[in-house]
Amino acid sequence: WEDASNKIAYGRRRRYLLGDQLDSVMNYPFREAVLAFLAGGDAAGSMERILTVLENYPPQAVRALLNNIGTHDTERALTALAGEPARGRGRRWQSEARLTREQRARGLALMRLASLMQYTLPGVPCVYYGDEAGLEGYRDPFNRGCFPWGREDAGLVEWYRGLGRLRAGCSCLKKGAFVPVAAEGDVMAYLRRDGNGALLCAFNRGGVPRTVTLPAEWGGAEALLGNAPDAGGHLALPPISCAACRLRYEKRELFLNF
C-alpha cells in the first residue's frame, strides 16, 4: 500500500526492492494518485506522488509494477470515483447503496480517464475483473461480486479493448521515459517516449473545456484517443475527457522542448 522502497513493518525497514526479495509490487501509490486527482484533489500533488515512486524504485521494478485502480481489497474504482463515500458506515448500508443514474454516468466517464492513466503510466496494467464491465461495490464482500455476464457495459468494454490495442501498438509504453507536461487545476498531462516516438496523454477532469499548449511540432500528431492538437500545437480537451496522441520521429532533438 505504501512506497515499497522505504516501507517499515513490525519495527523493521523492509528490503523488498534491493534485489533479493521482490521483483516488483502492486502499485497502490499510483492508484491513490489517479483517484485523488480525478476526485478533485491537487493535480500537482498527484503528479508528485507518481514522480516519487519513479525516483525511489529501481527501473527494473518500475517496468513490472502492477498498476491497479481497484482490487479485492479496495472499493470498486467506479464506486470510488462516483459513489457516496462510505465514511465508516456498516455492511447493511454498503450492501444496499447503488449509484444513481447520474452518478453512474459521471463515473463511467471518469473510468475512461482513470483506465487510460492505468494503461499508460510506467508499469503494467493490472485490471481487476469486472472493472472493464462497469461493476460497482464498496468494501469486501461487495467489491467481489460475480462478473455481470450478459449485462456488461458495452461501451466501457470496448474502451478497454481500445486501451489494449493502444498499449500493444506503442513501444514507448514498455520501457519509455516518463516526462511530466502539465499538472494544474483540472488538467494533467504527461509524455511517454522512446527511440521510436512519443505518446502524449492528457486529462481534463473538470466540467469546462481546457486546452493544453504543446510545442508546434505536435501539430502533426496522430490522435489515438480523443482529439488531436491543432496546427499550432493546441490540444482541446472537452469536459471530463482525455486524449492520447502519438508522434513518430526520427530526430530526438525535436523533443528537447519537454
C-alpha atoms as a PDB file:
ATOM      1  CA  TRP A   1       0.000   0.000   0.000  1.00  0.00           C
ATOM      2  CA  GLU A   2       2.903   2.349   0.730  1.00  0.00           C
ATOM      3  CA  ASP A   3       6.137   3.196  -1.048  1.00  0.00           C
ATOM      4  CA  ALA A   4       7.817  -0.215  -1.141  1.00  0.00           C
ATOM      5  CA  SER A   5      11.311   1.282  -1.246  1.00  0.00           C
ATOM      6  CA  ASN A   6      11.160   2.559   2.329  1.00  0.00           C
ATOM      7  CA  LYS A   7       8.414   0.535   3.998  1.00  0.00           C
ATOM      8  CA  ILE A   8       8.782  -0.132   7.724  1.00  0.00           C
ATOM      9  CA  ALA A   9       6.775  -3.030   9.156  1.00  0.00           C
ATOM     10  CA  TYR A  10       6.940  -4.546  12.646  1.00  0.00           C
ATOM     11  CA  GLY A  11       9.802  -2.235  13.524  1.00  0.00           C
ATOM     12  CA  ARG A  12      11.973  -3.267  10.581  1.00  0.00           C
ATOM     13  CA  ARG A  13      12.767  -1.476   7.363  1.00  0.00           C
ATOM     14  CA  ARG A  14      11.966  -3.854   4.525  1.00  0.00           C
ATOM     15  CA  ARG A  15      14.401  -4.624   1.714  1.00  0.00           C
ATOM     16  CA  TYR A  16      11.803  -5.519  -0.902  1.00  0.00           C
ATOM     17  CA  LEU A  17      13.419  -3.862  -3.911  1.00  0.00           C
ATOM     18  CA  LEU A  18      17.128  -4.329  -3.169  1.00  0.00           C
ATOM     19  CA  GLY A  19      17.477  -7.402  -5.377  1.00  0.00           C
ATOM     20  CA  ASP A  20      16.868 -10.370  -3.079  1.00  0.00           C
ATOM     21  CA  GLN A  21      13.149 -10.296  -2.241  1.00  0.00           C
ATOM     22  CA  LEU A  22      10.593  -8.910  -4.727  1.00  0.00           C
ATOM     23  CA  ASP A  23      10.753  -8.255  -8.458  1.00  0.00           C
ATOM     24  CA  SER A  24       8.042  -5.607  -8.090  1.00  0.00           C
ATOM     25  CA  VAL A  25       4.828  -4.815  -6.212  1.00  0.00           C
ATOM     26  CA  MET A  26       1.168  -3.903  -6.556  1.00  0.00           C
ATOM     27  CA  ASN A  27       1.241  -0.182  -7.309  1.00  0.00           C
ATOM     28  CA  TYR A  28      -1.228   1.245  -4.801  1.00  0.00           C
ATOM     29  CA  PRO A  29       0.537   4.652  -4.667  1.00  0.00           C
ATOM     30  CA  PHE A  30      -0.318   5.208  -8.358  1.00  0.00           C
ATOM     31  CA  ARG A  31      -3.923   4.180  -7.631  1.00  0.00           C
ATOM     32  CA  GLU A  32      -4.164   6.759  -4.885  1.00  0.00           C
ATOM     33  CA  ALA A  33      -2.628   9.426  -7.120  1.00  0.00           C
ATOM     34  CA  VAL A  34      -5.012   8.711 -10.001  1.00  0.00           C
ATOM     35  CA  LEU A  35      -8.174   8.544  -7.895  1.00  0.00           C
ATOM     36  CA  ALA A  36      -7.218  11.601  -5.836  1.00  0.00           C
ATOM     37  CA  PHE A  37      -6.712  13.685  -8.976  1.00  0.00           C
ATOM     38  CA  LEU A  38      -9.986  12.549 -10.546  1.00  0.00           C
ATOM     39  CA  ALA A  39     -11.859  13.179  -7.296  1.00  0.00           C
ATOM     40  CA  GLY A  40     -10.819  16.832  -7.373  1.00  0.00           C
ATOM     41  CA  GLY A  41      -7.557  16.687  -5.435  1.00  0.00           C
ATOM     42  CA  ASP A  42      -4.414  18.659  -6.123  1.00  0.00           C
ATOM     43  CA  ALA A  43      -3.104  17.785  -9.593  1.00  0.00           C
ATOM     44  CA  ALA A  44       0.458  18.769  -8.707  1.00  0.00           C
ATOM     45  CA  GLY A  45       0.287  16.585  -5.600  1.00  0.00           C
ATOM     46  CA  SER A  46      -0.796  13.560  -7.639  1.00  0.00           C
ATOM     47  CA  MET A  47       1.977  14.148 -10.155  1.00  0.00           C
ATOM     48  CA  GLU A  48       4.481  14.465  -7.317  1.00  0.00           C
ATOM     49  CA  ARG A  49       3.365  11.142  -5.890  1.00  0.00           C
ATOM     50  CA  ILE A  50       3.874   9.465  -9.277  1.00  0.00           C
ATOM     51  CA  LEU A  51       7.327  11.025  -9.662  1.00  0.00           C
ATOM     52  CA  THR A  52       8.328   9.983  -6.141  1.00  0.00           C
ATOM     53  CA  VAL A  53       7.684   6.318  -6.932  1.00  0.00           C
ATOM     54  CA  LEU A  54       9.594   6.599 -10.207  1.00  0.00           C
ATOM     55  CA  GLU A  55      12.511   8.203  -8.381  1.00  0.00           C
ATOM     56  CA  ASN A  56      12.587   5.737  -5.484  1.00  0.00           C
ATOM     57  CA  TYR A  57      12.093   2.435  -7.309  1.00  0.00           C
ATOM     58  CA  PRO A  58      14.746   0.693  -9.442  1.00  0.00           C
ATOM     59  CA  PRO A  59      13.857   0.945 -13.161  1.00  0.00           C
ATOM     60  CA  GLN A  60      13.527  -2.843 -13.398  1.00  0.00           C
ATOM     61  CA  ALA A  61      10.867  -2.779 -10.675  1.00  0.00           C
ATOM     62  CA  VAL A  62       9.095   0.197 -12.281  1.00  0.00           C
ATOM     63  CA  ARG A  63       8.666  -1.683 -15.555  1.00  0.00           C
ATOM     64  CA  ALA A  64       6.994  -4.569 -13.719  1.00  0.00           C
ATOM     65  CA  LEU A  65       4.768  -2.533 -11.388  1.00  0.00           C
ATOM     66  CA  LEU A  66       1.196  -3.836 -11.325  1.00  0.00           C
ATOM     67  CA  ASN A  67      -0.822  -0.676 -11.908  1.00  0.00           C
ATOM     68  CA  ASN A  68      -4.309  -1.020 -10.474  1.00  0.00           C
ATOM     69  CA  ILE A  69      -7.250   1.294  -9.867  1.00  0.00           C
ATOM     70  CA  GLY A  70      -9.017  -1.281  -7.717  1.00  0.00           C
ATOM     71  CA  THR A  71      -8.508  -4.740  -6.221  1.00  0.00           C
ATOM     72  CA  HIS A  72     -10.346  -7.199  -3.971  1.00  0.00           C
ATOM     73  CA  ASP A  73      -9.018  -5.149  -1.027  1.00  0.00           C
ATOM     74  CA  THR A  74     -10.485  -1.803  -2.136  1.00  0.00           C
ATOM     75  CA  GLU A  75     -13.749  -0.275  -3.218  1.00  0.00           C
ATOM     76  CA  ARG A  76     -14.544  -0.757  -6.885  1.00  0.00           C
ATOM     77  CA  ALA A  77     -12.990   2.030  -8.943  1.00  0.00           C
ATOM     78  CA  LEU A  78     -16.386   3.068 -10.323  1.00  0.00           C
ATOM     79  CA  THR A  79     -17.757   3.423  -6.794  1.00  0.00           C
ATOM     80  CA  ALA A  80     -14.672   5.251  -5.551  1.00  0.00           C
ATOM     81  CA  LEU A  81     -14.915   7.727  -8.431  1.00  0.00           C
ATOM     82  CA  ALA A  82     -18.634   8.487  -8.337  1.00  0.00           C
ATOM     83  CA  GLY A  83     -20.260   6.980  -5.258  1.00  0.00           C
ATOM     84  CA  GLU A  84     -21.086   8.494  -1.902  1.00  0.00           C
ATOM     85  CA  PRO A  85     -18.159   7.939   0.496  1.00  0.00           C
ATOM     86  CA  ALA A  86     -18.920   5.170   2.977  1.00  0.00           C
ATOM     87  CA  ARG A  87     -17.466   7.143   5.905  1.00  0.00           C
ATOM     88  CA  GLY A  88     -17.345   4.062   8.097  1.00  0.00           C
ATOM     89  CA  ARG A  89     -20.942   3.004   7.535  1.00  0.00           C
ATOM     90  CA  GLY A  90     -21.639  -0.669   8.022  1.00  0.00           C
ATOM     91  CA  ARG A  91     -22.332  -3.610   5.769  1.00  0.00           C
ATOM     92  CA  ARG A  92     -26.078  -3.104   5.577  1.00  0.00           C
ATOM     93  CA  TRP A  93     -25.672   0.382   4.125  1.00  0.00           C
ATOM     94  CA  GLN A  94     -22.893  -0.791   1.774  1.00  0.00           C
ATOM     95  CA  SER A  95     -24.970  -3.736   0.574  1.00  0.00           C
ATOM     96  CA  GLU A  96     -27.914  -1.501  -0.348  1.00  0.00           C
ATOM     97  CA  ALA A  97     -26.051   1.507  -1.775  1.00  0.00           C
ATOM     98  CA  ARG A  98     -26.112   1.882  -5.563  1.00  0.00           C
ATOM     99  CA  LEU A  99     -25.001   4.621  -7.896  1.00  0.00           C
ATOM    100  CA  THR A 100     -27.795   6.801  -9.205  1.00  0.00           C
ATOM    101  CA  ARG A 101     -28.151   7.115 -12.969  1.00  0.00           C
ATOM    102  CA  GLU A 102     -26.386  10.489 -12.853  1.00  0.00           C
ATOM    103  CA  GLN A 103     -23.598   9.191 -10.617  1.00  0.00           C
ATOM    104  CA  ARG A 104     -23.058   6.167 -12.841  1.00  0.00           C
ATOM    105  CA  ALA A 105     -22.860   8.289 -15.997  1.00  0.00           C
ATOM    106  CA  ARG A 106     -20.237  10.520 -14.392  1.00  0.00           C
ATOM    107  CA  GLY A 107     -18.396   7.520 -13.000  1.00  0.00           C
ATOM    108  CA  LEU A 108     -18.224   5.801 -16.381  1.00  0.00           C
ATOM    109  CA  ALA A 109     -16.778   8.986 -17.901  1.00  0.00           C
ATOM    110  CA  LEU A 110     -14.154   9.200 -15.148  1.00  0.00           C
ATOM    111  CA  MET A 111     -13.366   5.485 -15.542  1.00  0.00           C
ATOM    112  CA  ARG A 112     -12.136   6.234 -19.036  1.00  0.00           C
ATOM    113  CA  LEU A 113      -9.673   8.780 -17.673  1.00  0.00           C
ATOM    114  CA  ALA A 114      -8.561   6.505 -14.834  1.00  0.00           C
ATOM    115  CA  SER A 115      -8.056   3.490 -17.087  1.00  0.00           C
ATOM    116  CA  LEU A 116      -6.095   5.469 -19.672  1.00  0.00           C
ATOM    117  CA  MET A 117      -3.743   6.517 -16.886  1.00  0.00           C
ATOM    118  CA  GLN A 118      -3.584   2.901 -15.684  1.00  0.00           C
ATOM    119  CA  TYR A 119      -2.558   1.736 -19.154  1.00  0.00           C
ATOM    120  CA  THR A 120      -0.038   4.496 -19.911  1.00  0.00           C
ATOM    121  CA  LEU A 121       1.815   5.214 -16.652  1.00  0.00           C
ATOM    122  CA  PRO A 122       5.073   3.277 -16.211  1.00  0.00           C
ATOM    123  CA  GLY A 123       4.356  -0.303 -15.248  1.00  0.00           C
ATOM    124  CA  VAL A 124       1.887  -2.954 -16.376  1.00  0.00           C
ATOM    125  CA  PRO A 125      -1.907  -2.508 -16.190  1.00  0.00           C
ATOM    126  CA  CYS A 126      -3.477  -4.932 -13.721  1.00  0.00           C
ATOM    127  CA  VAL A 127      -7.243  -4.931 -14.317  1.00  0.00           C
ATOM    128  CA  TYR A 128      -9.444  -6.222 -11.511  1.00  0.00           C
ATOM    129  CA  TYR A 129     -12.074  -8.427 -13.133  1.00  0.00           C
ATOM    130  CA  GLY A 130     -15.317  -6.577 -13.762  1.00  0.00           C
ATOM    131  CA  ASP A 131     -13.848  -3.063 -13.749  1.00  0.00           C
ATOM    132  CA  GLU A 132     -13.915  -3.208 -17.537  1.00  0.00           C
ATOM    133  CA  ALA A 133     -17.579  -4.241 -17.392  1.00  0.00           C
ATOM    134  CA  GLY A 134     -18.737  -1.475 -15.048  1.00  0.00           C
ATOM    135  CA  LEU A 135     -19.076  -3.353 -11.757  1.00  0.00           C
ATOM    136  CA  GLU A 136     -19.611  -1.209  -8.687  1.00  0.00           C
ATOM    137  CA  GLY A 137     -19.381  -2.016  -4.994  1.00  0.00           C
ATOM    138  CA  TYR A 138     -17.995  -0.908  -1.657  1.00  0.00           C
ATOM    139  CA  ARG A 139     -15.591  -2.896   0.508  1.00  0.00           C
ATOM    140  CA  ASP A 140     -15.311  -6.675   0.834  1.00  0.00           C
ATOM    141  CA  PRO A 141     -17.529  -8.564   0.132  1.00  0.00           C
ATOM    142  CA  PHE A 142     -19.403  -6.044  -2.013  1.00  0.00           C
ATOM    143  CA  ASN A 143     -16.388  -5.443  -4.281  1.00  0.00           C
ATOM    144  CA  ARG A 144     -16.211  -9.159  -5.111  1.00  0.00           C
ATOM    145  CA  GLY A 145     -19.485  -9.715  -6.938  1.00  0.00           C
ATOM    146  CA  CYS A 146     -19.848 -12.109  -9.848  1.00  0.00           C
ATOM    147  CA  PHE A 147     -18.858 -10.929 -13.293  1.00  0.00           C
ATOM    148  CA  PRO A 148     -22.010  -9.483 -14.936  1.00  0.00           C
ATOM    149  CA  TRP A 149     -22.199 -11.888 -17.871  1.00  0.00           C
ATOM    150  CA  GLY A 150     -24.667 -10.529 -20.415  1.00  0.00           C
ATOM    151  CA  ARG A 151     -25.006  -7.249 -18.507  1.00  0.00           C
ATOM    152  CA  GLU A 152     -21.609  -5.724 -19.198  1.00  0.00           C
ATOM    153  CA  ASP A 153     -21.393  -2.036 -20.036  1.00  0.00           C
ATOM    154  CA  ALA A 154     -20.677  -2.483 -23.749  1.00  0.00           C
ATOM    155  CA  GLY A 155     -19.187   0.978 -24.205  1.00  0.00           C
ATOM    156  CA  LEU A 156     -16.713   0.530 -21.366  1.00  0.00           C
ATOM    157  CA  VAL A 157     -15.739  -2.960 -22.549  1.00  0.00           C
ATOM    158  CA  GLU A 158     -14.966  -1.561 -25.996  1.00  0.00           C
ATOM    159  CA  TRP A 159     -12.976   1.274 -24.405  1.00  0.00           C
ATOM    160  CA  TYR A 160     -10.783  -1.266 -22.605  1.00  0.00           C
ATOM    161  CA  ARG A 161     -10.275  -3.178 -25.835  1.00  0.00           C
ATOM    162  CA  GLY A 162      -9.056   0.064 -27.384  1.00  0.00           C
ATOM    163  CA  LEU A 163      -6.645   0.586 -24.494  1.00  0.00           C
ATOM    164  CA  GLY A 164      -5.212  -2.866 -25.111  1.00  0.00           C
ATOM    165  CA  ARG A 165      -4.667  -2.044 -28.767  1.00  0.00           C
ATOM    166  CA  LEU A 166      -3.071   1.287 -27.865  1.00  0.00           C
ATOM    167  CA  ARG A 167      -0.667  -0.317 -25.428  1.00  0.00           C
ATOM    168  CA  ALA A 168       0.293  -3.076 -27.853  1.00  0.00           C
ATOM    169  CA  GLY A 169       0.969  -0.535 -30.597  1.00  0.00           C
ATOM    170  CA  CYS A 170       3.155   1.921 -28.654  1.00  0.00           C
ATOM    171  CA  SER A 171       6.631   0.679 -27.797  1.00  0.00           C
ATOM    172  CA  CYS A 172       7.230   3.678 -25.522  1.00  0.00           C
ATOM    173  CA  LEU A 173       4.722   2.242 -23.025  1.00  0.00           C
ATOM    174  CA  LYS A 174       7.012  -0.698 -22.331  1.00  0.00           C
ATOM    175  CA  LYS A 175      10.295   0.942 -21.358  1.00  0.00           C
ATOM    176  CA  GLY A 176       9.872   4.543 -22.437  1.00  0.00           C
ATOM    177  CA  ALA A 177      10.760   7.569 -20.315  1.00  0.00           C
ATOM    178  CA  PHE A 178       8.090   9.441 -18.369  1.00  0.00           C
ATOM    179  CA  VAL A 179       8.010  13.226 -18.759  1.00  0.00           C
ATOM    180  CA  PRO A 180       5.506  15.455 -16.899  1.00  0.00           C
ATOM    181  CA  VAL A 181       3.883  18.090 -19.117  1.00  0.00           C
ATOM    182  CA  ALA A 182       1.105  19.669 -17.020  1.00  0.00           C
ATOM    183  CA  ALA A 183      -0.402  19.260 -13.544  1.00  0.00           C
ATOM    184  CA  GLU A 184      -2.547  22.219 -12.577  1.00  0.00           C
ATOM    185  CA  GLY A 185      -6.214  22.722 -11.778  1.00  0.00           C
ATOM    186  CA  ASP A 186      -8.349  20.195 -13.624  1.00  0.00           C
ATOM    187  CA  VAL A 187      -5.633  19.188 -16.089  1.00  0.00           C
ATOM    188  CA  MET A 188      -2.881  16.599 -16.020  1.00  0.00           C
ATOM    189  CA  ALA A 189      -0.683  15.619 -18.948  1.00  0.00           C
ATOM    190  CA  TYR A 190       2.465  13.594 -19.438  1.00  0.00           C
ATOM    191  CA  LEU A 191       4.628  12.155 -22.162  1.00  0.00           C
ATOM    192  CA  ARG A 192       5.988   8.644 -22.678  1.00  0.00           C
ATOM    193  CA  ARG A 193       8.810   8.405 -25.226  1.00  0.00           C
ATOM    194  CA  ASP A 194      11.464   6.109 -26.589  1.00  0.00           C
ATOM    195  CA  GLY A 195      13.626   5.914 -29.697  1.00  0.00           C
ATOM    196  CA  ASN A 196      10.625   5.316 -31.967  1.00  0.00           C
ATOM    197  CA  GLY A 197       8.357   8.139 -30.944  1.00  0.00           C
ATOM    198  CA  ALA A 198       6.309   9.686 -28.188  1.00  0.00           C
ATOM    199  CA  LEU A 199       2.826   9.369 -26.759  1.00  0.00           C
ATOM    200  CA  LEU A 200       1.154  12.350 -25.113  1.00  0.00           C
ATOM    201  CA  CYS A 201      -1.594  11.574 -22.593  1.00  0.00           C
ATOM    202  CA  ALA A 202      -3.769  14.460 -21.402  1.00  0.00           C
ATOM    203  CA  PHE A 203      -6.709  14.562 -18.988  1.00  0.00           C
ATOM    204  CA  ASN A 204      -9.392  17.093 -18.099  1.00  0.00           C
ATOM    205  CA  ARG A 205     -11.398  16.050 -15.040  1.00  0.00           C
ATOM    206  CA  GLY A 206     -13.407  19.263 -14.910  1.00  0.00           C
ATOM    207  CA  GLY A 207     -16.779  20.399 -16.201  1.00  0.00           C
ATOM    208  CA  VAL A 208     -15.499  23.026 -18.646  1.00  0.00           C
ATOM    209  CA  PRO A 209     -13.247  22.693 -21.724  1.00  0.00           C
ATOM    210  CA  ARG A 210      -9.489  23.084 -21.260  1.00  0.00           C
ATOM    211  CA  THR A 211      -6.543  23.465 -23.606  1.00  0.00           C
ATOM    212  CA  VAL A 212      -3.020  22.080 -23.302  1.00  0.00           C
ATOM    213  CA  THR A 213      -0.406  24.033 -25.259  1.00  0.00           C
ATOM    214  CA  LEU A 214       2.364  21.924 -26.784  1.00  0.00           C
ATOM    215  CA  PRO A 215       5.441  22.614 -28.931  1.00  0.00           C
ATOM    216  CA  ALA A 216       4.436  23.350 -32.526  1.00  0.00           C
ATOM    217  CA  GLU A 217       5.725  20.019 -33.863  1.00  0.00           C
ATOM    218  CA  TRP A 218       2.845  18.321 -32.050  1.00  0.00           C
ATOM    219  CA  GLY A 219       0.549  19.847 -34.639  1.00  0.00           C
ATOM    220  CA  GLY A 220       1.348  16.783 -36.736  1.00  0.00           C
ATOM    221  CA  ALA A 221       0.484  14.236 -34.036  1.00  0.00           C
ATOM    222  CA  GLU A 222      -1.920  11.364 -34.619  1.00  0.00           C
ATOM    223  CA  ALA A 223      -4.912  11.102 -32.295  1.00  0.00           C
ATOM    224  CA  LEU A 224      -5.222   7.543 -30.980  1.00  0.00           C
ATOM    225  CA  LEU A 225      -7.912   8.525 -28.468  1.00  0.00           C
ATOM    226  CA  GLY A 226      -9.764  11.824 -28.258  1.00  0.00           C
ATOM    227  CA  ASN A 227      -8.727  14.968 -30.116  1.00  0.00           C
ATOM    228  CA  ALA A 228      -5.514  15.730 -31.971  1.00  0.00           C
ATOM    229  CA  PRO A 229      -3.629  19.013 -31.432  1.00  0.00           C
ATOM    230  CA  ASP A 230      -4.298  21.730 -33.994  1.00  0.00           C
ATOM    231  CA  ALA A 231      -1.613  23.024 -36.343  1.00  0.00           C
ATOM    232  CA  GLY A 232      -0.256  25.301 -33.623  1.00  0.00           C
ATOM    233  CA  GLY A 233       0.080  22.548 -31.044  1.00  0.00           C
ATOM    234  CA  HIS A 234      -3.048  23.364 -29.033  1.00  0.00           C
ATOM    235  CA  LEU A 235      -4.866  20.312 -27.707  1.00  0.00           C
ATOM    236  CA  ALA A 236      -8.532  20.884 -26.842  1.00  0.00           C
ATOM    237  CA  LEU A 237      -9.949  18.751 -24.038  1.00  0.00           C
ATOM    238  CA  PRO A 238     -13.751  18.732 -23.615  1.00  0.00           C
ATOM    239  CA  PRO A 239     -15.208  18.361 -20.099  1.00  0.00           C
ATOM    240  CA  ILE A 240     -14.320  15.056 -18.375  1.00  0.00           C
ATOM    241  CA  SER A 241     -12.280  13.785 -21.275  1.00  0.00           C
ATOM    242  CA  CYS A 242      -8.851  12.537 -22.198  1.00  0.00           C
ATOM    243  CA  ALA A 243      -6.634  12.247 -25.243  1.00  0.00           C
ATOM    244  CA  ALA A 244      -3.729  10.085 -26.366  1.00  0.00           C
ATOM    245  CA  CYS A 245      -1.694  11.441 -29.293  1.00  0.00           C
ATOM    246  CA  ARG A 246       1.270   9.773 -30.950  1.00  0.00           C
ATOM    247  CA  LEU A 247       4.140  11.483 -32.702  1.00  0.00           C
ATOM    248  CA  ARG A 248       6.638   9.374 -34.579  1.00  0.00           C
ATOM    249  CA  TYR A 249      10.052  10.915 -35.074  1.00  0.00           C
ATOM    250  CA  GLU A 250      13.490  10.320 -36.412  1.00  0.00           C
ATOM    251  CA  LYS A 251      15.433  13.049 -34.641  1.00  0.00           C
ATOM    252  CA  ARG A 252      15.365  13.080 -30.866  1.00  0.00           C
ATOM    253  CA  GLU A 253      16.200  16.812 -30.889  1.00  0.00           C
ATOM    254  CA  LEU A 254      12.545  17.550 -31.621  1.00  0.00           C
ATOM    255  CA  PHE A 255      11.651  16.692 -28.034  1.00  0.00           C
ATOM    256  CA  LEU A 256      14.163  18.763 -26.126  1.00  0.00           C
ATOM    257  CA  ASN A 257      11.326  21.259 -25.516  1.00  0.00           C
ATOM    258  CA  PHE A 258       9.815  18.923 -22.916  1.00  0.00           C
END
